[in-house]
Structure formats: C-alpha cells, structure tokens
Amino acid sequence: MNLEKRYQSLVVETGRVYNKILSRNSCISKGMLSDYLNGDLDDALSQKISNHIAACELCQLEKMKVEADQTEFEKAMDLDPDHELSVVLGPNGAIRIAAIIENQRRLRVQKGISKIKASLIEWASPLWEPLLAGQPVTAADLTEQSRQFEMDYGEYISISCFWQGHDRKSTPHIRLTWRANLISPGNLWVRFANPDTRIIYSEFPLGQQLEGEARFDQIELGFDPAVEKWAVSVVVEKIEP
C-alpha cells in the first residue's frame, strides 16, 4: 500500500514538474538561441542568456539541438549549396538568392563597367524605362511595350519588351524583340541598367542581325524585372577589321 501511494505521489509530482516546464515562458526561443550562438547579440543580452542556459536544463538541450542543426546545415551547404538553398528557401527563394549573389559578383568585378570597348561604340540610345518596369503588378497589367530610337540619316532601331515575374510555369525573364534600319552594318548590343544609378546590370550581344527576338532569364539578367527598377538601352558597336 505504501508502495502504491509512493508511486501515485511520484506520478503527481512528475506531472506537476512537466506542466511547469510546458508553461514556462521565460525560456529562450530557438531564434534567440541561434542569434546567441552566432554572436549577433549585444554583450548584456548575451550574458543574460548564458546565465539562463547554465541554470536551465531545457534550454541546454535546445542549445545542443540548435548547434547540431547549424553544423548539419553548414556541412550540407559545403556539399551542395544549391540543393540546400532550395530545401530551406524553396525553389523561388533559391533562384532569387543565386541571382543576388551573381549580381553582386558582377558588380564587384566590373563595378558597372561595360563589356563594350568605348572606342568601338558608334552609337548608343538613351536609357528607356518601360512603364511599370520593376513594379509589383498583375499579369493583366503587363503588356508588350515598344520604343523606337531615331538615328541620323533616317536610321532607327525599334525594340519591344515584355517581362514577367514568378509564376507556376515560368521564372522571371524579359523577352526582347528588335528591328533595325542601319545603313552601315554593326554589332548590336542590349544593355540593362538601373535607371537611377546608371549601374549596368548586364549586357548581351545581339549580333549583326537587323531583327530578331531573345529571352533573358533572371539569373543572367542579374535582377528580377518584376521587382527591381530597370531600364534598357541599345548600342551599336563598330565591326573591327
């Protein structure tokens, strides 16, 4: 009988302790623990968390879990960063991060410098920023927009742009069509840049064809055309002998 009472008392006490742990609201959140381990907190808050962990077995266990998760994530990133980003961020998030990284790499290397030799530029159009370019709009708002750039002696280059953001069937991209009336042949280039800073996002050769169509995806563009501001310019490059 005494043994049964002791058992019941133990069950009651265990339940009381368990409920106390569950109702505890002073424990450190997983996000805060992650910031603590990464050294992202100020000294006072970091010391407070350190003192709490030293006295709290529950947070000690949670700290070990966070450390294990971080170690596993770092190993996975070393082995296959593209796959791990897709797992954590989803496919759209991974594409976006990759585009940002590539764009930053391009800016660090080129710092907005054109691929086209300045001495070979025969003519360059002004930057044209299509209506609603880079703004969050619905698919119904987006229609193909055109602009004709007049040159000397009746020459001209006409371009049309259509762009699209993320959807179930496609990734962000710009579709460009062009038609040129040139007396002398030249290499055509299309340039995408920030209309405010004039920093070049990307440039693509269109060749010597006087008309054609090309599609440029977010990764190669270096920006999301449905989110970030952009403008387009056409350059005529002299043909080197």
C-alpha atoms as a PDB file:
ATOM      1  CA  MET A   1       0.000   0.000   0.000  1.00  0.00           C
ATOM      2  CA  ASN A   2       2.800   2.373   0.876  1.00  0.00           C
ATOM      3  CA  LEU A   3       4.481   1.493  -2.407  1.00  0.00           C
ATOM      4  CA  GLU A   4       1.305   2.311  -4.329  1.00  0.00           C
ATOM      5  CA  LYS A   5       0.987   5.667  -2.566  1.00  0.00           C
ATOM      6  CA  ARG A   6       4.592   6.480  -3.309  1.00  0.00           C
ATOM      7  CA  TYR A   7       4.033   5.612  -6.966  1.00  0.00           C
ATOM      8  CA  GLN A   8       0.939   7.842  -7.169  1.00  0.00           C
ATOM      9  CA  SER A   9       2.815  10.654  -5.442  1.00  0.00           C
ATOM     10  CA  LEU A  10       5.650  10.296  -7.937  1.00  0.00           C
ATOM     11  CA  VAL A  11       3.205  10.446 -10.858  1.00  0.00           C
ATOM     12  CA  VAL A  12       1.594  13.598  -9.458  1.00  0.00           C
ATOM     13  CA  GLU A  13       4.957  15.258  -8.841  1.00  0.00           C
ATOM     14  CA  THR A  14       6.198  14.321 -12.317  1.00  0.00           C
ATOM     15  CA  GLY A  15       3.070  15.783 -13.874  1.00  0.00           C
ATOM     16  CA  ARG A  16       3.464  18.971 -11.861  1.00  0.00           C
ATOM     17  CA  VAL A  17       7.071  19.417 -12.971  1.00  0.00           C
ATOM     18  CA  TYR A  18       6.193  18.608 -16.577  1.00  0.00           C
ATOM     19  CA  ASN A  19       3.348  21.123 -16.621  1.00  0.00           C
ATOM     20  CA  LYS A  20       5.614  23.713 -15.075  1.00  0.00           C
ATOM     21  CA  ILE A  21       8.139  23.179 -17.841  1.00  0.00           C
ATOM     22  CA  LEU A  22       5.470  23.415 -20.523  1.00  0.00           C
ATOM     23  CA  SER A  23       4.022  26.589 -19.056  1.00  0.00           C
ATOM     24  CA  ARG A  24       7.403  28.221 -18.675  1.00  0.00           C
ATOM     25  CA  ASN A  25       7.549  31.377 -20.791  1.00  0.00           C
ATOM     26  CA  SER A  26      10.959  32.631 -19.748  1.00  0.00           C
ATOM     27  CA  CYS A  27      12.946  30.127 -21.801  1.00  0.00           C
ATOM     28  CA  ILE A  28      14.999  31.231 -24.779  1.00  0.00           C
ATOM     29  CA  SER A  29      13.406  30.914 -28.207  1.00  0.00           C
ATOM     30  CA  LYS A  30      15.125  28.929 -30.931  1.00  0.00           C
ATOM     31  CA  GLY A  31      15.697  32.078 -32.963  1.00  0.00           C
ATOM     32  CA  MET A  32      17.260  33.853 -29.999  1.00  0.00           C
ATOM     33  CA  LEU A  33      19.489  30.846 -29.309  1.00  0.00           C
ATOM     34  CA  SER A  34      20.629  30.913 -32.915  1.00  0.00           C
ATOM     35  CA  ASP A  35      21.499  34.619 -32.648  1.00  0.00           C
ATOM     36  CA  TYR A  36      23.290  33.922 -29.358  1.00  0.00           C
ATOM     37  CA  LEU A  37      25.402  31.149 -30.885  1.00  0.00           C
ATOM     38  CA  ASN A  38      26.209  33.303 -33.920  1.00  0.00           C
ATOM     39  CA  GLY A  39      27.375  36.170 -31.716  1.00  0.00           C
ATOM     40  CA  ASP A  40      24.726  38.560 -33.056  1.00  0.00           C
ATOM     41  CA  LEU A  41      23.564  39.846 -29.641  1.00  0.00           C
ATOM     42  CA  ASP A  42      24.979  42.630 -27.508  1.00  0.00           C
ATOM     43  CA  ASP A  43      27.136  41.712 -24.512  1.00  0.00           C
ATOM     44  CA  ALA A  44      24.479  42.356 -21.855  1.00  0.00           C
ATOM     45  CA  LEU A  45      21.806  40.222 -23.515  1.00  0.00           C
ATOM     46  CA  SER A  46      24.325  37.534 -24.390  1.00  0.00           C
ATOM     47  CA  GLN A  47      25.422  37.294 -20.746  1.00  0.00           C
ATOM     48  CA  LYS A  48      21.809  37.118 -19.576  1.00  0.00           C
ATOM     49  CA  ILE A  49      21.102  34.249 -21.960  1.00  0.00           C
ATOM     50  CA  SER A  50      24.309  32.489 -20.919  1.00  0.00           C
ATOM     51  CA  ASN A  51      23.276  32.672 -17.254  1.00  0.00           C
ATOM     52  CA  HIS A  52      19.814  31.338 -18.062  1.00  0.00           C
ATOM     53  CA  ILE A  53      21.182  28.403 -20.058  1.00  0.00           C
ATOM     54  CA  ALA A  54      23.542  27.487 -17.214  1.00  0.00           C
ATOM     55  CA  ALA A  55      20.560  27.117 -14.867  1.00  0.00           C
ATOM     56  CA  CYS A  56      18.014  25.639 -17.294  1.00  0.00           C
ATOM     57  CA  GLU A  57      18.313  22.036 -18.463  1.00  0.00           C
ATOM     58  CA  LEU A  58      15.580  22.528 -21.052  1.00  0.00           C
ATOM     59  CA  CYS A  59      17.474  25.368 -22.724  1.00  0.00           C
ATOM     60  CA  GLN A  60      20.713  23.396 -22.521  1.00  0.00           C
ATOM     61  CA  LEU A  61      19.064  20.655 -24.568  1.00  0.00           C
ATOM     62  CA  GLU A  62      17.608  23.196 -27.003  1.00  0.00           C
ATOM     63  CA  LYS A  63      21.026  24.826 -27.379  1.00  0.00           C
ATOM     64  CA  MET A  64      22.565  21.474 -28.313  1.00  0.00           C
ATOM     65  CA  LYS A  65      19.811  20.912 -30.891  1.00  0.00           C
ATOM     66  CA  VAL A  66      20.403  24.322 -32.471  1.00  0.00           C
ATOM     67  CA  GLU A  67      24.158  23.697 -32.578  1.00  0.00           C
ATOM     68  CA  ALA A  68      23.563  20.314 -34.230  1.00  0.00           C
ATOM     69  CA  ASP A  69      21.196  21.864 -36.790  1.00  0.00           C
ATOM     70  CA  GLN A  70      23.711  24.580 -37.637  1.00  0.00           C
ATOM     71  CA  THR A  71      26.515  22.050 -38.036  1.00  0.00           C
ATOM     72  CA  GLU A  72      24.364  19.869 -40.285  1.00  0.00           C
ATOM     73  CA  PHE A  73      23.337  22.891 -42.377  1.00  0.00           C
ATOM     74  CA  GLU A  74      26.950  24.031 -42.796  1.00  0.00           C
ATOM     75  CA  LYS A  75      28.006  20.545 -43.925  1.00  0.00           C
ATOM     76  CA  ALA A  76      25.110  20.386 -46.386  1.00  0.00           C
ATOM     77  CA  MET A  77      25.991  23.826 -47.766  1.00  0.00           C
ATOM     78  CA  ASP A  78      29.580  22.710 -48.308  1.00  0.00           C
ATOM     79  CA  LEU A  79      28.441  19.611 -50.209  1.00  0.00           C
ATOM     80  CA  ASP A  80      25.598  21.044 -52.314  1.00  0.00           C
ATOM     81  CA  PRO A  81      24.688  24.696 -51.636  1.00  0.00           C
ATOM     82  CA  ASP A  82      22.143  24.928 -54.470  1.00  0.00           C
ATOM     83  CA  HIS A  83      20.160  21.965 -53.164  1.00  0.00           C
ATOM     84  CA  GLU A  84      20.293  23.163 -49.563  1.00  0.00           C
ATOM     85  CA  LEU A  85      19.062  26.637 -50.532  1.00  0.00           C
ATOM     86  CA  SER A  86      16.176  25.026 -52.399  1.00  0.00           C
ATOM     87  CA  VAL A  87      15.281  22.981 -49.312  1.00  0.00           C
ATOM     88  CA  VAL A  88      15.423  25.936 -46.922  1.00  0.00           C
ATOM     89  CA  LEU A  89      14.082  28.730 -49.131  1.00  0.00           C
ATOM     90  CA  GLY A  90      12.074  26.853 -51.728  1.00  0.00           C
ATOM     91  CA  PRO A  91      12.913  26.953 -55.460  1.00  0.00           C
ATOM     92  CA  ASN A  92      11.897  30.595 -55.954  1.00  0.00           C
ATOM     93  CA  GLY A  93      13.896  31.753 -52.949  1.00  0.00           C
ATOM     94  CA  ALA A  94      16.947  29.818 -54.094  1.00  0.00           C
ATOM     95  CA  ILE A  95      16.773  31.377 -57.564  1.00  0.00           C
ATOM     96  CA  ARG A  96      16.430  34.827 -56.053  1.00  0.00           C
ATOM     97  CA  ILE A  97      19.438  34.341 -53.753  1.00  0.00           C
ATOM     98  CA  ALA A  98      21.513  32.963 -56.626  1.00  0.00           C
ATOM     99  CA  ALA A  99      20.626  35.978 -58.765  1.00  0.00           C
ATOM    100  CA  ILE A 100      21.593  38.389 -55.982  1.00  0.00           C
ATOM    101  CA  ILE A 101      24.921  36.607 -55.448  1.00  0.00           C
ATOM    102  CA  GLU A 102      25.683  36.629 -59.161  1.00  0.00           C
ATOM    103  CA  ASN A 103      24.722  40.275 -59.477  1.00  0.00           C
ATOM    104  CA  GLN A 104      26.919  41.244 -56.523  1.00  0.00           C
ATOM    105  CA  ARG A 105      29.793  39.258 -58.013  1.00  0.00           C
ATOM    106  CA  ARG A 106      29.358  41.060 -61.314  1.00  0.00           C
ATOM    107  CA  LEU A 107      29.276  44.466 -59.645  1.00  0.00           C
ATOM    108  CA  ARG A 108      32.380  43.680 -57.572  1.00  0.00           C
ATOM    109  CA  VAL A 109      34.298  42.582 -60.653  1.00  0.00           C
ATOM    110  CA  GLN A 110      33.020  45.066 -63.195  1.00  0.00           C
ATOM    111  CA  LYS A 111      31.767  47.906 -60.967  1.00  0.00           C
ATOM    112  CA  GLY A 112      29.347  48.901 -63.696  1.00  0.00           C
ATOM    113  CA  ILE A 113      31.977  48.878 -66.438  1.00  0.00           C
ATOM    114  CA  SER A 114      30.647  47.997 -69.870  1.00  0.00           C
ATOM    115  CA  LYS A 115      31.837  44.942 -71.764  1.00  0.00           C
ATOM    116  CA  ILE A 116      31.857  47.046 -74.930  1.00  0.00           C
ATOM    117  CA  LYS A 117      35.033  48.933 -75.745  1.00  0.00           C
ATOM    118  CA  ALA A 118      34.322  52.649 -75.583  1.00  0.00           C
ATOM    119  CA  SER A 119      36.405  53.247 -78.701  1.00  0.00           C
ATOM    120  CA  LEU A 120      34.152  50.917 -80.704  1.00  0.00           C
ATOM    121  CA  ILE A 121      30.804  52.401 -79.673  1.00  0.00           C
ATOM    122  CA  GLU A 122      29.369  54.031 -82.778  1.00  0.00           C
ATOM    123  CA  TRP A 123      26.003  54.927 -81.275  1.00  0.00           C
ATOM    124  CA  ALA A 124      24.104  54.303 -78.044  1.00  0.00           C
ATOM    125  CA  SER A 125      20.462  55.007 -77.326  1.00  0.00           C
ATOM    126  CA  PRO A 126      19.354  56.756 -74.146  1.00  0.00           C
ATOM    127  CA  LEU A 127      18.128  54.526 -71.340  1.00  0.00           C
ATOM    128  CA  TRP A 128      14.456  53.725 -71.714  1.00  0.00           C
ATOM    129  CA  GLU A 129      12.467  52.721 -68.639  1.00  0.00           C
ATOM    130  CA  PRO A 130       9.256  50.948 -69.723  1.00  0.00           C
ATOM    131  CA  LEU A 131       6.080  51.837 -67.860  1.00  0.00           C
ATOM    132  CA  LEU A 132       5.682  49.744 -64.661  1.00  0.00           C
ATOM    133  CA  ALA A 133       9.125  48.162 -65.089  1.00  0.00           C
ATOM    134  CA  GLY A 134      10.168  46.610 -61.782  1.00  0.00           C
ATOM    135  CA  GLN A 135       6.858  47.263 -60.064  1.00  0.00           C
ATOM    136  CA  PRO A 136       4.635  44.615 -58.428  1.00  0.00           C
ATOM    137  CA  VAL A 137       1.757  44.405 -60.905  1.00  0.00           C
ATOM    138  CA  THR A 138      -0.568  41.652 -62.052  1.00  0.00           C
ATOM    139  CA  ALA A 139      -0.143  39.728 -65.277  1.00  0.00           C
ATOM    140  CA  ALA A 140      -3.132  41.589 -66.729  1.00  0.00           C
ATOM    141  CA  ASP A 141      -1.281  44.897 -66.312  1.00  0.00           C
ATOM    142  CA  LEU A 142       1.773  43.744 -68.246  1.00  0.00           C
ATOM    143  CA  THR A 143       1.632  44.242 -71.982  1.00  0.00           C
ATOM    144  CA  GLU A 144       4.428  44.387 -74.513  1.00  0.00           C
ATOM    145  CA  GLN A 145       5.865  47.894 -74.729  1.00  0.00           C
ATOM    146  CA  SER A 146       7.774  49.379 -77.640  1.00  0.00           C
ATOM    147  CA  ARG A 147      10.171  52.234 -78.243  1.00  0.00           C
ATOM    148  CA  GLN A 148      11.816  53.459 -81.434  1.00  0.00           C
ATOM    149  CA  PHE A 149      15.183  55.198 -81.240  1.00  0.00           C
ATOM    150  CA  GLU A 150      15.813  57.610 -84.096  1.00  0.00           C
ATOM    151  CA  MET A 151      19.309  57.952 -85.529  1.00  0.00           C
ATOM    152  CA  ASP A 152      20.926  60.071 -88.254  1.00  0.00           C
ATOM    153  CA  TYR A 153      20.071  59.790 -91.959  1.00  0.00           C
ATOM    154  CA  GLY A 154      16.749  58.064 -91.334  1.00  0.00           C
ATOM    155  CA  GLU A 155      18.271  55.144 -89.454  1.00  0.00           C
ATOM    156  CA  TYR A 156      16.453  53.764 -86.447  1.00  0.00           C
ATOM    157  CA  ILE A 157      16.297  50.857 -84.012  1.00  0.00           C
ATOM    158  CA  SER A 158      12.941  49.734 -82.656  1.00  0.00           C
ATOM    159  CA  ILE A 159      12.665  47.447 -79.625  1.00  0.00           C
ATOM    160  CA  SER A 160       9.782  45.813 -77.773  1.00  0.00           C
ATOM    161  CA  CYS A 161       9.931  44.431 -74.239  1.00  0.00           C
ATOM    162  CA  PHE A 162       7.724  42.039 -72.345  1.00  0.00           C
ATOM    163  CA  TRP A 163       8.654  40.871 -68.859  1.00  0.00           C
ATOM    164  CA  GLN A 164       7.224  38.516 -66.298  1.00  0.00           C
ATOM    165  CA  GLY A 165       7.778  37.611 -62.659  1.00  0.00           C
ATOM    166  CA  HIS A 166       7.463  34.271 -60.895  1.00  0.00           C
ATOM    167  CA  ASP A 167       4.535  32.055 -61.749  1.00  0.00           C
ATOM    168  CA  ARG A 168       3.869  28.335 -61.894  1.00  0.00           C
ATOM    169  CA  LYS A 169       5.047  27.981 -65.477  1.00  0.00           C
ATOM    170  CA  SER A 170       7.966  30.368 -65.755  1.00  0.00           C
ATOM    171  CA  THR A 171      10.796  32.119 -63.936  1.00  0.00           C
ATOM    172  CA  PRO A 172      11.291  35.913 -64.116  1.00  0.00           C
ATOM    173  CA  HIS A 173      12.502  36.980 -67.547  1.00  0.00           C
ATOM    174  CA  ILE A 174      12.480  39.663 -70.229  1.00  0.00           C
ATOM    175  CA  ARG A 175      11.591  38.922 -73.829  1.00  0.00           C
ATOM    176  CA  LEU A 176      13.113  41.416 -76.252  1.00  0.00           C
ATOM    177  CA  THR A 177      12.388  41.844 -79.953  1.00  0.00           C
ATOM    178  CA  TRP A 178      14.229  44.305 -82.164  1.00  0.00           C
ATOM    179  CA  ARG A 179      14.140  45.706 -85.669  1.00  0.00           C
ATOM    180  CA  ALA A 180      16.863  47.958 -87.034  1.00  0.00           C
ATOM    181  CA  ASN A 181      17.292  50.058 -90.149  1.00  0.00           C
ATOM    182  CA  LEU A 182      21.022  50.711 -90.473  1.00  0.00           C
ATOM    183  CA  ILE A 183      22.959  51.938 -93.481  1.00  0.00           C
ATOM    184  CA  SER A 184      26.282  50.544 -92.263  1.00  0.00           C
ATOM    185  CA  PRO A 185      26.470  47.133 -90.584  1.00  0.00           C
ATOM    186  CA  GLY A 186      27.392  46.955 -86.911  1.00  0.00           C
ATOM    187  CA  ASN A 187      27.220  44.696 -83.889  1.00  0.00           C
ATOM    188  CA  LEU A 188      24.071  45.278 -81.855  1.00  0.00           C
ATOM    189  CA  TRP A 189      24.085  45.047 -78.067  1.00  0.00           C
ATOM    190  CA  VAL A 190      21.315  45.371 -75.500  1.00  0.00           C
ATOM    191  CA  ARG A 191      22.156  46.863 -72.116  1.00  0.00           C
ATOM    192  CA  PHE A 192      20.103  46.633 -68.907  1.00  0.00           C
ATOM    193  CA  ALA A 193      20.853  49.128 -66.158  1.00  0.00           C
ATOM    194  CA  ASN A 194      19.466  50.791 -63.059  1.00  0.00           C
ATOM    195  CA  PRO A 195      17.747  53.990 -64.272  1.00  0.00           C
ATOM    196  CA  ASP A 196      18.664  55.915 -61.103  1.00  0.00           C
ATOM    197  CA  THR A 197      22.288  54.925 -60.516  1.00  0.00           C
ATOM    198  CA  ARG A 198      23.104  54.059 -64.165  1.00  0.00           C
ATOM    199  CA  ILE A 199      24.926  50.969 -62.916  1.00  0.00           C
ATOM    200  CA  ILE A 200      24.927  48.294 -65.601  1.00  0.00           C
ATOM    201  CA  TYR A 201      23.181  45.076 -64.593  1.00  0.00           C
ATOM    202  CA  SER A 202      24.059  43.111 -67.719  1.00  0.00           C
ATOM    203  CA  GLU A 203      24.797  43.372 -71.443  1.00  0.00           C
ATOM    204  CA  PHE A 204      24.112  40.904 -74.243  1.00  0.00           C
ATOM    205  CA  PRO A 205      25.310  40.817 -77.862  1.00  0.00           C
ATOM    206  CA  LEU A 206      22.510  40.602 -80.421  1.00  0.00           C
ATOM    207  CA  GLY A 207      24.851  40.147 -83.366  1.00  0.00           C
ATOM    208  CA  GLN A 208      24.546  41.810 -86.764  1.00  0.00           C
ATOM    209  CA  GLN A 209      21.007  40.652 -87.497  1.00  0.00           C
ATOM    210  CA  LEU A 210      18.718  43.602 -88.135  1.00  0.00           C
ATOM    211  CA  GLU A 211      15.767  41.909 -86.490  1.00  0.00           C
ATOM    212  CA  GLY A 212      15.235  39.121 -84.026  1.00  0.00           C
ATOM    213  CA  GLU A 213      13.979  38.027 -80.636  1.00  0.00           C
ATOM    214  CA  ALA A 214      15.765  36.946 -77.457  1.00  0.00           C
ATOM    215  CA  ARG A 215      14.799  35.934 -73.947  1.00  0.00           C
ATOM    216  CA  PHE A 216      16.879  36.745 -70.878  1.00  0.00           C
ATOM    217  CA  ASP A 217      16.209  34.985 -67.553  1.00  0.00           C
ATOM    218  CA  GLN A 218      16.677  36.419 -64.081  1.00  0.00           C
ATOM    219  CA  ILE A 219      19.953  34.615 -63.410  1.00  0.00           C
ATOM    220  CA  GLU A 220      21.692  36.086 -66.447  1.00  0.00           C
ATOM    221  CA  LEU A 221      19.986  39.476 -66.091  1.00  0.00           C
ATOM    222  CA  GLY A 222      21.212  39.876 -62.530  1.00  0.00           C
ATOM    223  CA  PHE A 223      17.861  41.241 -61.320  1.00  0.00           C
ATOM    224  CA  ASP A 224      14.164  40.401 -61.126  1.00  0.00           C
ATOM    225  CA  PRO A 225      12.443  42.513 -63.823  1.00  0.00           C
ATOM    226  CA  ALA A 226       9.115  42.356 -61.975  1.00  0.00           C
ATOM    227  CA  VAL A 227      10.586  43.616 -58.685  1.00  0.00           C
ATOM    228  CA  GLU A 228      13.666  45.793 -59.274  1.00  0.00           C
ATOM    229  CA  LYS A 229      13.810  49.030 -61.262  1.00  0.00           C
ATOM    230  CA  TRP A 230      15.458  48.664 -64.660  1.00  0.00           C
ATOM    231  CA  ALA A 231      15.880  50.370 -67.987  1.00  0.00           C
ATOM    232  CA  VAL A 232      17.148  49.246 -71.378  1.00  0.00           C
ATOM    233  CA  SER A 233      19.459  50.724 -73.987  1.00  0.00           C
ATOM    234  CA  VAL A 234      20.686  49.615 -77.405  1.00  0.00           C
ATOM    235  CA  VAL A 235      24.294  50.042 -78.501  1.00  0.00           C
ATOM    236  CA  VAL A 236      25.755  49.832 -81.998  1.00  0.00           C
ATOM    237  CA  GLU A 237      29.353  48.637 -81.962  1.00  0.00           C
ATOM    238  CA  LYS A 238      31.720  49.125 -84.875  1.00  0.00           C
ATOM    239  CA  ILE A 239      32.896  45.959 -86.554  1.00  0.00           C
ATOM    240  CA  GLU A 240      36.620  45.574 -86.022  1.00  0.00           C
ATOM    241  CA  PRO A 241      38.578  44.987 -89.240  1.00  0.00           C
END
